Every structure is written in structure tokens, then in C-alpha cells.
Amino acid sequence: MTAQTPPRSVFHAGEEALQALAGAQARLAETGPRVIREVLPEQHRSFFAELPFAVLGALDADGQPWATAIAGPPGFITSPTPERLRIGALPAADDPAAAGLAPGAAIGLLGLQPHTRRRNRANGRVAALDADGFTLAVEQSFGNCPKYIHARRVEHAAQTAAPAPARVQARLDGATADLIRHADTFFIATAHPDAARGEHAAHGVDVSHRGGRPGFVGVDGDHLWVPDFAGNQYFNTLGNLLLNPRAGLLFVNFSEGSLVWIAATAQILHDGRAVDAYPGAQRVLQLTVHALWTARRRLPLHSQDGEASPFLAGTGIWPG
């Protein structure tokens, strides 16, 4: 009788190392293949079609991950087959993530519907690219828990003023630091060291949501501090950072569609004063900023603030 080959893990070594540290590896080795799929389930296909925006993670020519947002009227994202997503929009040419869209390139896509606190991820490769958008060949599709999502309603809106060009900044200025200090949401793109090679579905690019009370991102010169609270324990973001510390951050001013893109390197702190400073945090990301871009009026969106996540009750309030 021929022995069956065990199924290939849907997680990579960095994710598994942090799962083991959290005591979750055995459980996720069993449940992971059921929740991280190779195709889009029907509910994910219809979900993406409802969205007015999505968040994209891509690598530039130097391997730096960047996170950015793309937007359009609901229906600008479609799913012609369970293996494909067609995104009918592109980042602007001066967007730092734009260079990462090329046939065969690894990308991560996050669909977020803040007012319902739903979010789904679709990671894979660019199957086609044209002047109107691109097609994602899905390699990993999975949902995320609704924790720490602020229930603001985000809708498509016609732009009344021309988008401002992206501006490269040498370092965090006062206005940008204040935006970060008051943020309750940001997005982070990360990548496995072998993302460009494409040999394993888990060795790709990922982009994720982070949320907290305003002030949860600390700013100290060119360093940012971000608490990591209890989540699904997949450790997609932190697992990538364990193996490849480069990260791309995106802060969005939803009320005016402005973006702040940051390239940084990360260090994961599991204990010490930095962790103790954040009630409820299990660890802290220390991020060193290396590059910073900003642009006003970039997204055709309008938002209305809603209720803060009920899961924030167990976390602190910080001055930033």
C-alpha cells in the first residue's frame, strides 16, 4: 500500500514559527487548509463586487513592499471565475506601488467593507495587465475576523478636484506625524523573501488591516510603534516580517481620499517596556521609516464615521 503524501502546508516557516510560539500551530495545521483556499468561494466573489475600494500590496523593483488603495464604483471588481478577480482600476503612475503590477508579479489584495466589518484577502499573481486594470490569478483566498475594524461607511464619490501629484518627503513632517497619531486604521504590505519566485502559494505578498483607538500608532522621530492584539493567529503579516523585515504602510484619510505611503523596516518585540505600554497588546511592531510619499485627493471616496470596534474595550487609550 502506497503511503499518502501529506497535504502541503498553507503556511510558511515564518508563520509556523510564530504560531508555535503562540501555541496555535497544531490547531492551524489542521484548520488552515480548510479556511485558506486555492479559489474564491461564492460569497467572496460577490463580496468583492460590492466594494468601492480595495487595498493592494505589491513589490517594487528593489523588493520593497508597498501598500496602496484603488477605487471605483461598486462593480469595478468582478470575478469571472472562482480562480480570477478582475480589477478595473490601476494605481496612478506616480503611486509607489504601481511598478509592482506586471504580468506574473506577486500581489496581495484586501477587500474591506468597514460598515459591516467584513474583510477578505486574495493573494496571488498578475495574470493580465492592460490600460484599464489587471486580473489576479488567485492562489490563496481567506476571510479574516472583524476585530478592530471601525464601522465607517465608505462610498464611491465623484471627484470635484483633480488629484494632487504624489510628493516624496525626506522624513515625517508635523502634519504627517499628526495624521498618523490620530489614525484609527492603517494597512501594511509584507512579502516572503521568495515572493518573486512563485514556487509556493504561501511565499507571496500579503496586505492586511490594522486598527485601534486613535493614538494606537506611536510616533517618535522616524520610528513608529504599533501594538499587535489577539487575532486569528495566522500571523501572515508578522510571519513575513520574521523572514523579511521590509514593510509598506498605507494611511488613508477617507474623508478627502488622501494617502500616505511609508516604506519601513520592522522589528517584532515580544516583551519589554514597549509591550507593557499598550494594555491588551501581545507584542509590538517597531517600525523604522525609510521613505515617505504623500498625495491629496487621490481616491474618489466619501466616508462617514461610525462606531468603534467593540473589541477595543480591552485596549488602552494613548496620547500617540
C-alpha atoms as a PDB file:
ATOM      1  CA  MET A   1       0.000   0.000   0.000  1.00  0.00           C
ATOM      2  CA  THR A   2       1.429   3.381  -1.011  1.00  0.00           C
ATOM      3  CA  ALA A   3       1.617   5.973   1.749  1.00  0.00           C
ATOM      4  CA  GLN A   4      -0.302   9.157   1.040  1.00  0.00           C
ATOM      5  CA  THR A   5       1.684  12.354   0.717  1.00  0.00           C
ATOM      6  CA  PRO A   6       0.608  14.808   3.430  1.00  0.00           C
ATOM      7  CA  PRO A   7      -1.028  17.971   2.070  1.00  0.00           C
ATOM      8  CA  ARG A   8       1.303  20.906   1.532  1.00  0.00           C
ATOM      9  CA  SER A   9       1.054  23.463   4.321  1.00  0.00           C
ATOM     10  CA  VAL A  10      -0.815  26.671   3.549  1.00  0.00           C
ATOM     11  CA  PHE A  11       1.596  28.466   5.896  1.00  0.00           C
ATOM     12  CA  HIS A  12       5.304  29.133   5.543  1.00  0.00           C
ATOM     13  CA  ALA A  13       8.117  28.749   8.072  1.00  0.00           C
ATOM     14  CA  GLY A  14       7.824  32.285   9.486  1.00  0.00           C
ATOM     15  CA  GLU A  15       4.098  31.952  10.111  1.00  0.00           C
ATOM     16  CA  GLU A  16       4.530  28.497  11.635  1.00  0.00           C
ATOM     17  CA  ALA A  17       7.290  29.702  13.976  1.00  0.00           C
ATOM     18  CA  LEU A  18       5.037  32.406  15.447  1.00  0.00           C
ATOM     19  CA  GLN A  19       2.073  30.019  15.577  1.00  0.00           C
ATOM     20  CA  ALA A  20       4.229  27.623  17.596  1.00  0.00           C
ATOM     21  CA  LEU A  21       5.263  30.442  19.937  1.00  0.00           C
ATOM     22  CA  ALA A  22       1.570  31.250  20.485  1.00  0.00           C
ATOM     23  CA  GLY A  23       0.635  27.584  20.995  1.00  0.00           C
ATOM     24  CA  ALA A  24      -1.571  27.547  17.890  1.00  0.00           C
ATOM     25  CA  GLN A  25       0.478  25.588  15.332  1.00  0.00           C
ATOM     26  CA  ALA A  26      -1.162  22.184  15.799  1.00  0.00           C
ATOM     27  CA  ARG A  27      -4.669  23.640  15.579  1.00  0.00           C
ATOM     28  CA  LEU A  28      -3.890  25.705  12.488  1.00  0.00           C
ATOM     29  CA  ALA A  29      -2.111  22.820  10.762  1.00  0.00           C
ATOM     30  CA  GLU A  30      -5.495  21.081  10.833  1.00  0.00           C
ATOM     31  CA  THR A  31      -7.833  24.003  10.152  1.00  0.00           C
ATOM     32  CA  GLY A  32      -5.596  26.070   7.856  1.00  0.00           C
ATOM     33  CA  PRO A  33      -6.214  24.069   4.655  1.00  0.00           C
ATOM     34  CA  ARG A  34      -9.974  24.369   5.221  1.00  0.00           C
ATOM     35  CA  VAL A  35     -10.035  28.153   5.634  1.00  0.00           C
ATOM     36  CA  ILE A  36      -7.249  29.188   3.232  1.00  0.00           C
ATOM     37  CA  ARG A  37      -8.461  28.078  -0.178  1.00  0.00           C
ATOM     38  CA  GLU A  38      -6.955  27.985  -3.655  1.00  0.00           C
ATOM     39  CA  VAL A  39     -10.103  29.518  -5.170  1.00  0.00           C
ATOM     40  CA  LEU A  40     -12.647  32.171  -4.223  1.00  0.00           C
ATOM     41  CA  PRO A  41     -15.807  30.869  -2.564  1.00  0.00           C
ATOM     42  CA  GLU A  42     -19.020  32.326  -3.977  1.00  0.00           C
ATOM     43  CA  GLN A  43     -19.545  34.678  -1.037  1.00  0.00           C
ATOM     44  CA  HIS A  44     -16.081  36.190  -1.568  1.00  0.00           C
ATOM     45  CA  ARG A  45     -16.723  36.627  -5.292  1.00  0.00           C
ATOM     46  CA  SER A  46     -19.920  38.590  -4.612  1.00  0.00           C
ATOM     47  CA  PHE A  47     -18.319  40.498  -1.730  1.00  0.00           C
ATOM     48  CA  PHE A  48     -15.524  41.970  -3.869  1.00  0.00           C
ATOM     49  CA  ALA A  49     -18.098  43.095  -6.440  1.00  0.00           C
ATOM     50  CA  GLU A  50     -19.822  45.256  -3.789  1.00  0.00           C
ATOM     51  CA  LEU A  51     -16.742  47.269  -2.829  1.00  0.00           C
ATOM     52  CA  PRO A  52     -15.903  50.884  -3.763  1.00  0.00           C
ATOM     53  CA  PHE A  53     -12.235  50.364  -2.912  1.00  0.00           C
ATOM     54  CA  ALA A  54      -9.641  47.700  -2.193  1.00  0.00           C
ATOM     55  CA  VAL A  55      -6.103  47.693  -0.812  1.00  0.00           C
ATOM     56  CA  LEU A  56      -3.246  46.339  -2.889  1.00  0.00           C
ATOM     57  CA  GLY A  57       0.176  45.059  -1.825  1.00  0.00           C
ATOM     58  CA  ALA A  58       2.980  44.875  -4.409  1.00  0.00           C
ATOM     59  CA  LEU A  59       6.769  44.821  -4.676  1.00  0.00           C
ATOM     60  CA  ASP A  60       8.869  47.420  -6.464  1.00  0.00           C
ATOM     61  CA  ALA A  61      11.984  46.570  -8.470  1.00  0.00           C
ATOM     62  CA  ASP A  62      14.112  46.579  -5.303  1.00  0.00           C
ATOM     63  CA  GLY A  63      11.818  44.158  -3.496  1.00  0.00           C
ATOM     64  CA  GLN A  64      10.291  46.815  -1.253  1.00  0.00           C
ATOM     65  CA  PRO A  65       6.650  46.070  -0.395  1.00  0.00           C
ATOM     66  CA  TRP A  66       4.171  48.919  -0.883  1.00  0.00           C
ATOM     67  CA  ALA A  67       0.526  49.116   0.121  1.00  0.00           C
ATOM     68  CA  THR A  68      -1.869  51.326  -1.809  1.00  0.00           C
ATOM     69  CA  ALA A  69      -5.596  51.762  -2.379  1.00  0.00           C
ATOM     70  CA  ILE A  70      -7.539  51.571  -5.633  1.00  0.00           C
ATOM     71  CA  ALA A  71     -11.142  52.672  -6.024  1.00  0.00           C
ATOM     72  CA  GLY A  72     -14.104  52.766  -8.373  1.00  0.00           C
ATOM     73  CA  PRO A  73     -17.882  52.433  -8.464  1.00  0.00           C
ATOM     74  CA  PRO A  74     -19.113  49.153  -6.921  1.00  0.00           C
ATOM     75  CA  GLY A  75     -18.665  46.531  -9.591  1.00  0.00           C
ATOM     76  CA  PHE A  76     -15.212  47.742 -10.607  1.00  0.00           C
ATOM     77  CA  ILE A  77     -14.002  44.411  -9.176  1.00  0.00           C
ATOM     78  CA  THR A  78     -15.526  41.281 -10.715  1.00  0.00           C
ATOM     79  CA  SER A  79     -14.838  37.554 -10.515  1.00  0.00           C
ATOM     80  CA  PRO A  80     -15.237  35.906 -13.947  1.00  0.00           C
ATOM     81  CA  THR A  81     -14.249  32.522 -12.474  1.00  0.00           C
ATOM     82  CA  PRO A  82     -13.520  31.246  -8.944  1.00  0.00           C
ATOM     83  CA  GLU A  83      -9.804  31.418  -9.796  1.00  0.00           C
ATOM     84  CA  ARG A  84      -9.786  35.024 -11.028  1.00  0.00           C
ATOM     85  CA  LEU A  85     -10.504  38.575  -9.918  1.00  0.00           C
ATOM     86  CA  ARG A  86     -10.659  41.340 -12.489  1.00  0.00           C
ATOM     87  CA  ILE A  87      -9.888  44.780 -11.028  1.00  0.00           C
ATOM     88  CA  GLY A  88     -10.999  47.603 -13.296  1.00  0.00           C
ATOM     89  CA  ALA A  89      -8.656  50.226 -11.887  1.00  0.00           C
ATOM     90  CA  LEU A  90      -4.948  50.883 -11.576  1.00  0.00           C
ATOM     91  CA  PRO A  91      -2.758  52.893  -9.213  1.00  0.00           C
ATOM     92  CA  ALA A  92      -1.680  56.227 -10.688  1.00  0.00           C
ATOM     93  CA  ALA A  93       1.671  56.226 -12.452  1.00  0.00           C
ATOM     94  CA  ASP A  94       3.278  58.140  -9.568  1.00  0.00           C
ATOM     95  CA  ASP A  95       1.990  55.687  -6.952  1.00  0.00           C
ATOM     96  CA  PRO A  96       4.977  53.799  -5.439  1.00  0.00           C
ATOM     97  CA  ALA A  97       3.087  50.501  -5.784  1.00  0.00           C
ATOM     98  CA  ALA A  98       2.362  50.973  -9.495  1.00  0.00           C
ATOM     99  CA  ALA A  99       5.673  49.491 -10.622  1.00  0.00           C
ATOM    100  CA  GLY A 100       4.787  46.238  -8.861  1.00  0.00           C
ATOM    101  CA  LEU A 101       1.970  45.479 -11.287  1.00  0.00           C
ATOM    102  CA  ALA A 102       3.447  43.365 -14.069  1.00  0.00           C
ATOM    103  CA  PRO A 103       2.415  40.024 -15.576  1.00  0.00           C
ATOM    104  CA  GLY A 104       3.475  37.238 -13.231  1.00  0.00           C
ATOM    105  CA  ALA A 105       4.192  39.570 -10.296  1.00  0.00           C
ATOM    106  CA  ALA A 106       3.112  38.535  -6.803  1.00  0.00           C
ATOM    107  CA  ILE A 107       0.455  40.767  -5.261  1.00  0.00           C
ATOM    108  CA  GLY A 108      -1.864  40.770  -2.294  1.00  0.00           C
ATOM    109  CA  LEU A 109      -5.405  42.150  -2.332  1.00  0.00           C
ATOM    110  CA  LEU A 110      -7.537  43.060   0.671  1.00  0.00           C
ATOM    111  CA  GLY A 111     -11.243  43.703   0.332  1.00  0.00           C
ATOM    112  CA  LEU A 112     -12.670  45.643   3.270  1.00  0.00           C
ATOM    113  CA  GLN A 113     -16.233  46.746   3.934  1.00  0.00           C
ATOM    114  CA  PRO A 114     -15.836  48.810   7.095  1.00  0.00           C
ATOM    115  CA  HIS A 115     -19.513  49.410   7.922  1.00  0.00           C
ATOM    116  CA  THR A 116     -20.166  45.639   8.041  1.00  0.00           C
ATOM    117  CA  ARG A 117     -16.674  44.844   9.397  1.00  0.00           C
ATOM    118  CA  ARG A 118     -16.136  42.231   6.683  1.00  0.00           C
ATOM    119  CA  ARG A 119     -12.724  41.688   5.143  1.00  0.00           C
ATOM    120  CA  ASN A 120     -11.382  39.071   2.749  1.00  0.00           C
ATOM    121  CA  ARG A 121      -7.914  38.517   1.331  1.00  0.00           C
ATOM    122  CA  ALA A 122      -6.941  37.231  -2.097  1.00  0.00           C
ATOM    123  CA  ASN A 123      -3.240  36.707  -2.753  1.00  0.00           C
ATOM    124  CA  GLY A 124      -1.706  35.512  -5.998  1.00  0.00           C
ATOM    125  CA  ARG A 125      -0.145  36.636  -9.289  1.00  0.00           C
ATOM    126  CA  VAL A 126      -0.955  39.156 -12.002  1.00  0.00           C
ATOM    127  CA  ALA A 127      -2.413  37.074 -14.838  1.00  0.00           C
ATOM    128  CA  ALA A 128      -3.068  40.003 -17.193  1.00  0.00           C
ATOM    129  CA  LEU A 129      -2.500  43.747 -17.256  1.00  0.00           C
ATOM    130  CA  ASP A 130      -3.871  46.420 -19.570  1.00  0.00           C
ATOM    131  CA  ALA A 131      -4.621  50.139 -19.602  1.00  0.00           C
ATOM    132  CA  ASP A 132      -7.898  49.675 -17.714  1.00  0.00           C
ATOM    133  CA  GLY A 133      -6.873  47.310 -14.938  1.00  0.00           C
ATOM    134  CA  PHE A 134      -5.487  43.876 -14.160  1.00  0.00           C
ATOM    135  CA  THR A 135      -6.509  40.295 -13.467  1.00  0.00           C
ATOM    136  CA  LEU A 136      -5.421  38.471 -10.335  1.00  0.00           C
ATOM    137  CA  ALA A 137      -4.848  34.706 -10.526  1.00  0.00           C
ATOM    138  CA  VAL A 138      -5.843  33.677  -7.008  1.00  0.00           C
ATOM    139  CA  GLU A 139      -3.532  31.352  -5.100  1.00  0.00           C
ATOM    140  CA  GLN A 140      -4.817  31.932  -1.559  1.00  0.00           C
ATOM    141  CA  SER A 141      -8.283  33.155  -0.577  1.00  0.00           C
ATOM    142  CA  PHE A 142      -9.398  33.575   3.018  1.00  0.00           C
ATOM    143  CA  GLY A 143     -11.556  35.649   5.305  1.00  0.00           C
ATOM    144  CA  ASN A 144     -10.485  37.499   8.418  1.00  0.00           C
ATOM    145  CA  CYS A 145     -12.198  38.123  11.726  1.00  0.00           C
ATOM    146  CA  PRO A 146     -13.896  41.520  12.188  1.00  0.00           C
ATOM    147  CA  LYS A 147     -11.809  42.595  15.170  1.00  0.00           C
ATOM    148  CA  TYR A 148     -10.567  46.197  15.388  1.00  0.00           C
ATOM    149  CA  ILE A 149     -12.419  47.426  12.259  1.00  0.00           C
ATOM    150  CA  HIS A 150     -14.080  50.810  12.741  1.00  0.00           C
ATOM    151  CA  ALA A 151     -17.555  50.725  11.232  1.00  0.00           C
ATOM    152  CA  ARG A 152     -17.305  53.778   8.972  1.00  0.00           C
ATOM    153  CA  ARG A 153     -19.311  53.775   5.756  1.00  0.00           C
ATOM    154  CA  VAL A 154     -17.117  54.351   2.689  1.00  0.00           C
ATOM    155  CA  GLU A 155     -18.807  55.102  -0.632  1.00  0.00           C
ATOM    156  CA  HIS A 156     -17.728  55.999  -4.143  1.00  0.00           C
ATOM    157  CA  ALA A 157     -17.998  59.714  -4.915  1.00  0.00           C
ATOM    158  CA  ALA A 158     -17.217  61.749  -7.998  1.00  0.00           C
ATOM    159  CA  GLN A 159     -14.031  63.769  -7.621  1.00  0.00           C
ATOM    160  CA  THR A 160     -14.641  67.518  -7.663  1.00  0.00           C
ATOM    161  CA  ALA A 161     -10.952  68.447  -7.836  1.00  0.00           C
ATOM    162  CA  ALA A 162      -8.019  66.981  -9.703  1.00  0.00           C
ATOM    163  CA  PRO A 163      -5.899  64.514  -7.716  1.00  0.00           C
ATOM    164  CA  ALA A 164      -2.736  66.068  -6.383  1.00  0.00           C
ATOM    165  CA  PRO A 165       0.573  64.572  -7.552  1.00  0.00           C
ATOM    166  CA  ALA A 166       2.464  62.343  -5.157  1.00  0.00           C
ATOM    167  CA  ARG A 167       5.113  64.136  -3.143  1.00  0.00           C
ATOM    168  CA  VAL A 168       8.261  62.477  -1.818  1.00  0.00           C
ATOM    169  CA  GLN A 169       9.242  63.614   1.668  1.00  0.00           C
ATOM    170  CA  ALA A 170      12.646  63.232   3.289  1.00  0.00           C
ATOM    171  CA  ARG A 171      11.103  62.426   6.661  1.00  0.00           C
ATOM    172  CA  LEU A 172       7.940  62.667   8.723  1.00  0.00           C
ATOM    173  CA  ASP A 173       6.841  66.295   8.986  1.00  0.00           C
ATOM    174  CA  GLY A 174       4.470  67.657  11.608  1.00  0.00           C
ATOM    175  CA  ALA A 175       1.304  67.333   9.526  1.00  0.00           C
ATOM    176  CA  THR A 176       2.024  63.728   8.526  1.00  0.00           C
ATOM    177  CA  ALA A 177       3.004  62.758  12.068  1.00  0.00           C
ATOM    178  CA  ASP A 178      -0.271  64.238  13.363  1.00  0.00           C
ATOM    179  CA  LEU A 179      -2.278  62.266  10.785  1.00  0.00           C
ATOM    180  CA  ILE A 180      -0.590  59.062  11.925  1.00  0.00           C
ATOM    181  CA  ARG A 181      -1.055  59.874  15.605  1.00  0.00           C
ATOM    182  CA  HIS A 182      -4.793  60.392  15.099  1.00  0.00           C
ATOM    183  CA  ALA A 183      -5.328  57.394  12.803  1.00  0.00           C
ATOM    184  CA  ASP A 184      -7.584  54.522  13.865  1.00  0.00           C
ATOM    185  CA  THR A 185      -6.720  52.439  10.777  1.00  0.00           C
ATOM    186  CA  PHE A 186      -3.788  51.679   8.525  1.00  0.00           C
ATOM    187  CA  PHE A 187      -2.744  48.938   6.115  1.00  0.00           C
ATOM    188  CA  ILE A 188       0.514  47.015   5.917  1.00  0.00           C
ATOM    189  CA  ALA A 189       2.037  45.121   2.984  1.00  0.00           C
ATOM    190  CA  THR A 190       4.675  42.446   3.549  1.00  0.00           C
ATOM    191  CA  ALA A 191       6.305  39.722   1.472  1.00  0.00           C
ATOM    192  CA  HIS A 192       8.030  36.374   1.831  1.00  0.00           C
ATOM    193  CA  PRO A 193      11.713  36.539   0.783  1.00  0.00           C
ATOM    194  CA  ASP A 194      10.935  34.247  -2.176  1.00  0.00           C
ATOM    195  CA  ALA A 195       7.816  36.110  -3.321  1.00  0.00           C
ATOM    196  CA  ALA A 196       9.282  36.946  -6.729  1.00  0.00           C
ATOM    197  CA  ARG A 197       9.994  33.270  -7.495  1.00  0.00           C
ATOM    198  CA  GLY A 198       6.451  31.990  -7.086  1.00  0.00           C
ATOM    199  CA  GLU A 199       7.267  28.419  -6.080  1.00  0.00           C
ATOM    200  CA  HIS A 200       4.746  28.166  -3.230  1.00  0.00           C
ATOM    201  CA  ALA A 201       1.367  29.848  -2.758  1.00  0.00           C
ATOM    202  CA  ALA A 202       2.331  30.818   0.805  1.00  0.00           C
ATOM    203  CA  HIS A 203       5.520  32.524  -0.436  1.00  0.00           C
ATOM    204  CA  GLY A 204       3.805  35.617  -1.770  1.00  0.00           C
ATOM    205  CA  VAL A 205       2.812  39.180  -0.997  1.00  0.00           C
ATOM    206  CA  ASP A 206       0.202  39.974   1.631  1.00  0.00           C
ATOM    207  CA  VAL A 207      -1.594  43.138   2.692  1.00  0.00           C
ATOM    208  CA  SER A 208      -3.502  43.453   5.934  1.00  0.00           C
ATOM    209  CA  HIS A 209      -5.611  45.845   8.010  1.00  0.00           C
ATOM    210  CA  ARG A 210      -4.594  47.194  11.406  1.00  0.00           C
ATOM    211  CA  GLY A 211      -6.955  49.104  13.671  1.00  0.00           C
ATOM    212  CA  GLY A 212      -7.099  50.546  17.160  1.00  0.00           C
ATOM    213  CA  ARG A 213      -8.168  53.561  19.150  1.00  0.00           C
ATOM    214  CA  PRO A 214      -6.831  56.868  17.754  1.00  0.00           C
ATOM    215  CA  GLY A 215      -3.288  57.099  19.076  1.00  0.00           C
ATOM    216  CA  PHE A 216      -2.593  53.373  18.775  1.00  0.00           C
ATOM    217  CA  VAL A 217       0.271  54.142  16.366  1.00  0.00           C
ATOM    218  CA  GLY A 218       3.010  55.867  18.312  1.00  0.00           C
ATOM    219  CA  VAL A 219       5.376  58.283  16.594  1.00  0.00           C
ATOM    220  CA  ASP A 220       8.889  59.062  17.830  1.00  0.00           C
ATOM    221  CA  GLY A 221      11.023  60.757  15.187  1.00  0.00           C
ATOM    222  CA  ASP A 222      11.418  58.270  12.346  1.00  0.00           C
ATOM    223  CA  HIS A 223      10.117  55.373  14.432  1.00  0.00           C
ATOM    224  CA  LEU A 224       6.554  54.102  14.655  1.00  0.00           C
ATOM    225  CA  TRP A 225       5.233  51.764  17.343  1.00  0.00           C
ATOM    226  CA  VAL A 226       2.216  49.552  16.680  1.00  0.00           C
ATOM    227  CA  PRO A 227       0.639  47.171  19.213  1.00  0.00           C
ATOM    228  CA  ASP A 228      -0.434  43.741  17.985  1.00  0.00           C
ATOM    229  CA  PHE A 229      -3.586  42.479  19.634  1.00  0.00           C
ATOM    230  CA  ALA A 230      -5.096  38.986  19.690  1.00  0.00           C
ATOM    231  CA  GLY A 231      -6.288  37.923  16.238  1.00  0.00           C
ATOM    232  CA  ASN A 232      -6.723  34.791  14.159  1.00  0.00           C
ATOM    233  CA  GLN A 233      -3.139  33.678  14.907  1.00  0.00           C
ATOM    234  CA  TYR A 234      -2.368  33.021  11.245  1.00  0.00           C
ATOM    235  CA  PHE A 235       0.495  35.547  11.543  1.00  0.00           C
ATOM    236  CA  ASN A 236       0.520  36.281   7.813  1.00  0.00           C
ATOM    237  CA  THR A 237       1.969  39.761   8.350  1.00  0.00           C
ATOM    238  CA  LEU A 238       4.296  39.011  11.247  1.00  0.00           C
ATOM    239  CA  GLY A 239       5.405  35.713   9.715  1.00  0.00           C
ATOM    240  CA  ASN A 240       6.557  37.558   6.612  1.00  0.00           C
ATOM    241  CA  LEU A 241       8.311  40.181   8.738  1.00  0.00           C
ATOM    242  CA  LEU A 242      10.100  37.475  10.726  1.00  0.00           C
ATOM    243  CA  LEU A 243      11.771  36.330   7.488  1.00  0.00           C
ATOM    244  CA  ASN A 244      11.831  39.663   5.616  1.00  0.00           C
ATOM    245  CA  PRO A 245      11.595  42.808   7.788  1.00  0.00           C
ATOM    246  CA  ARG A 246      10.627  45.203   4.973  1.00  0.00           C
ATOM    247  CA  ALA A 247       7.102  46.611   5.127  1.00  0.00           C
ATOM    248  CA  GLY A 248       4.945  49.099   3.259  1.00  0.00           C
ATOM    249  CA  LEU A 249       2.412  51.090   5.270  1.00  0.00           C
ATOM    250  CA  LEU A 250      -0.603  52.991   3.970  1.00  0.00           C
ATOM    251  CA  PHE A 251      -2.538  55.598   5.919  1.00  0.00           C
ATOM    252  CA  VAL A 252      -5.783  56.819   4.333  1.00  0.00           C
ATOM    253  CA  ASN A 253      -7.710  59.990   5.094  1.00  0.00           C
ATOM    254  CA  PHE A 254     -11.078  58.624   3.984  1.00  0.00           C
ATOM    255  CA  SER A 255     -12.835  61.986   4.272  1.00  0.00           C
ATOM    256  CA  GLU A 256     -10.747  63.521   1.465  1.00  0.00           C
ATOM    257  CA  GLY A 257      -9.182  60.492  -0.220  1.00  0.00           C
ATOM    258  CA  SER A 258      -5.612  61.406   0.702  1.00  0.00           C
ATOM    259  CA  LEU A 259      -2.863  58.790   1.044  1.00  0.00           C
ATOM    260  CA  VAL A 260       0.387  58.455   2.960  1.00  0.00           C
ATOM    261  CA  TRP A 261       2.721  55.690   1.780  1.00  0.00           C
ATOM    262  CA  ILE A 262       5.611  54.611   4.017  1.00  0.00           C
ATOM    263  CA  ALA A 263       8.487  52.192   3.433  1.00  0.00           C
ATOM    264  CA  ALA A 264       9.855  50.826   6.690  1.00  0.00           C
ATOM    265  CA  THR A 265      11.765  48.021   8.332  1.00  0.00           C
ATOM    266  CA  ALA A 266      10.170  46.192  11.230  1.00  0.00           C
ATOM    267  CA  GLN A 267      11.288  44.528  14.415  1.00  0.00           C
ATOM    268  CA  ILE A 268       8.884  42.333  16.397  1.00  0.00           C
ATOM    269  CA  LEU A 269       9.075  42.953  20.153  1.00  0.00           C
ATOM    270  CA  HIS A 270       7.532  40.213  22.273  1.00  0.00           C
ATOM    271  CA  ASP A 271       8.124  41.749  25.699  1.00  0.00           C
ATOM    272  CA  GLY A 272       9.626  44.711  27.470  1.00  0.00           C
ATOM    273  CA  ARG A 273       8.548  48.291  28.107  1.00  0.00           C
ATOM    274  CA  ALA A 274       7.199  48.832  24.608  1.00  0.00           C
ATOM    275  CA  VAL A 275       4.740  45.944  25.015  1.00  0.00           C
ATOM    276  CA  ASP A 276       3.826  46.888  28.583  1.00  0.00           C
ATOM    277  CA  ALA A 277       2.898  50.393  27.399  1.00  0.00           C
ATOM    278  CA  TYR A 278      -0.052  49.026  25.396  1.00  0.00           C
ATOM    279  CA  PRO A 279      -2.753  47.350  27.522  1.00  0.00           C
ATOM    280  CA  GLY A 280      -4.014  44.222  25.810  1.00  0.00           C
ATOM    281  CA  ALA A 281      -1.113  44.003  23.341  1.00  0.00           C
ATOM    282  CA  GLN A 282       0.572  40.637  22.862  1.00  0.00           C
ATOM    283  CA  ARG A 283       3.565  42.123  21.055  1.00  0.00           C
ATOM    284  CA  VAL A 284       4.634  45.387  19.414  1.00  0.00           C
ATOM    285  CA  LEU A 285       5.970  46.241  15.959  1.00  0.00           C
ATOM    286  CA  GLN A 286       8.788  48.762  15.968  1.00  0.00           C
ATOM    287  CA  LEU A 287       8.958  50.329  12.500  1.00  0.00           C
ATOM    288  CA  THR A 288      11.790  52.497  11.200  1.00  0.00           C
ATOM    289  CA  VAL A 289      10.691  54.819   8.388  1.00  0.00           C
ATOM    290  CA  HIS A 290      12.999  54.922   5.330  1.00  0.00           C
ATOM    291  CA  ALA A 291      10.836  56.528   2.640  1.00  0.00           C
ATOM    292  CA  LEU A 292       7.662  58.575   2.714  1.00  0.00           C
ATOM    293  CA  TRP A 293       5.259  59.679  -0.046  1.00  0.00           C
ATOM    294  CA  THR A 294       2.053  61.681   0.289  1.00  0.00           C
ATOM    295  CA  ALA A 295      -0.779  62.669  -2.069  1.00  0.00           C
ATOM    296  CA  ARG A 296      -4.019  64.584  -1.512  1.00  0.00           C
ATOM    297  CA  ARG A 297      -7.398  63.928  -3.158  1.00  0.00           C
ATOM    298  CA  ARG A 298      -6.166  60.629  -4.561  1.00  0.00           C
ATOM    299  CA  LEU A 299      -9.263  58.426  -4.102  1.00  0.00           C
ATOM    300  CA  PRO A 300     -12.840  59.090  -5.310  1.00  0.00           C
ATOM    301  CA  LEU A 301     -14.344  58.191  -1.943  1.00  0.00           C
ATOM    302  CA  HIS A 302     -16.605  59.706   0.695  1.00  0.00           C
ATOM    303  CA  SER A 303     -16.856  58.389   4.239  1.00  0.00           C
ATOM    304  CA  GLN A 304     -18.997  58.740   7.329  1.00  0.00           C
ATOM    305  CA  ASP A 305     -17.627  57.767  10.717  1.00  0.00           C
ATOM    306  CA  GLY A 306     -19.408  55.018  12.583  1.00  0.00           C
ATOM    307  CA  GLU A 307     -18.973  53.015  15.735  1.00  0.00           C
ATOM    308  CA  ALA A 308     -15.583  51.965  17.027  1.00  0.00           C
ATOM    309  CA  SER A 309     -14.906  48.252  17.219  1.00  0.00           C
ATOM    310  CA  PRO A 310     -16.319  46.681  20.406  1.00  0.00           C
ATOM    311  CA  PHE A 311     -13.099  44.664  20.678  1.00  0.00           C
ATOM    312  CA  LEU A 312     -11.245  47.869  21.578  1.00  0.00           C
ATOM    313  CA  ALA A 313     -12.818  47.842  25.039  1.00  0.00           C
ATOM    314  CA  GLY A 314      -9.910  45.748  26.279  1.00  0.00           C
ATOM    315  CA  THR A 315      -7.232  48.047  24.916  1.00  0.00           C
ATOM    316  CA  GLY A 316      -5.898  51.348  26.166  1.00  0.00           C
ATOM    317  CA  ILE A 317      -6.095  54.986  25.172  1.00  0.00           C
ATOM    318  CA  TRP A 318      -2.794  56.580  24.288  1.00  0.00           C
ATOM    319  CA  PRO A 319      -1.625  60.119  23.550  1.00  0.00           C
ATOM    320  CA  GLY A 320       0.291  58.975  20.421  1.00  0.00           C
END
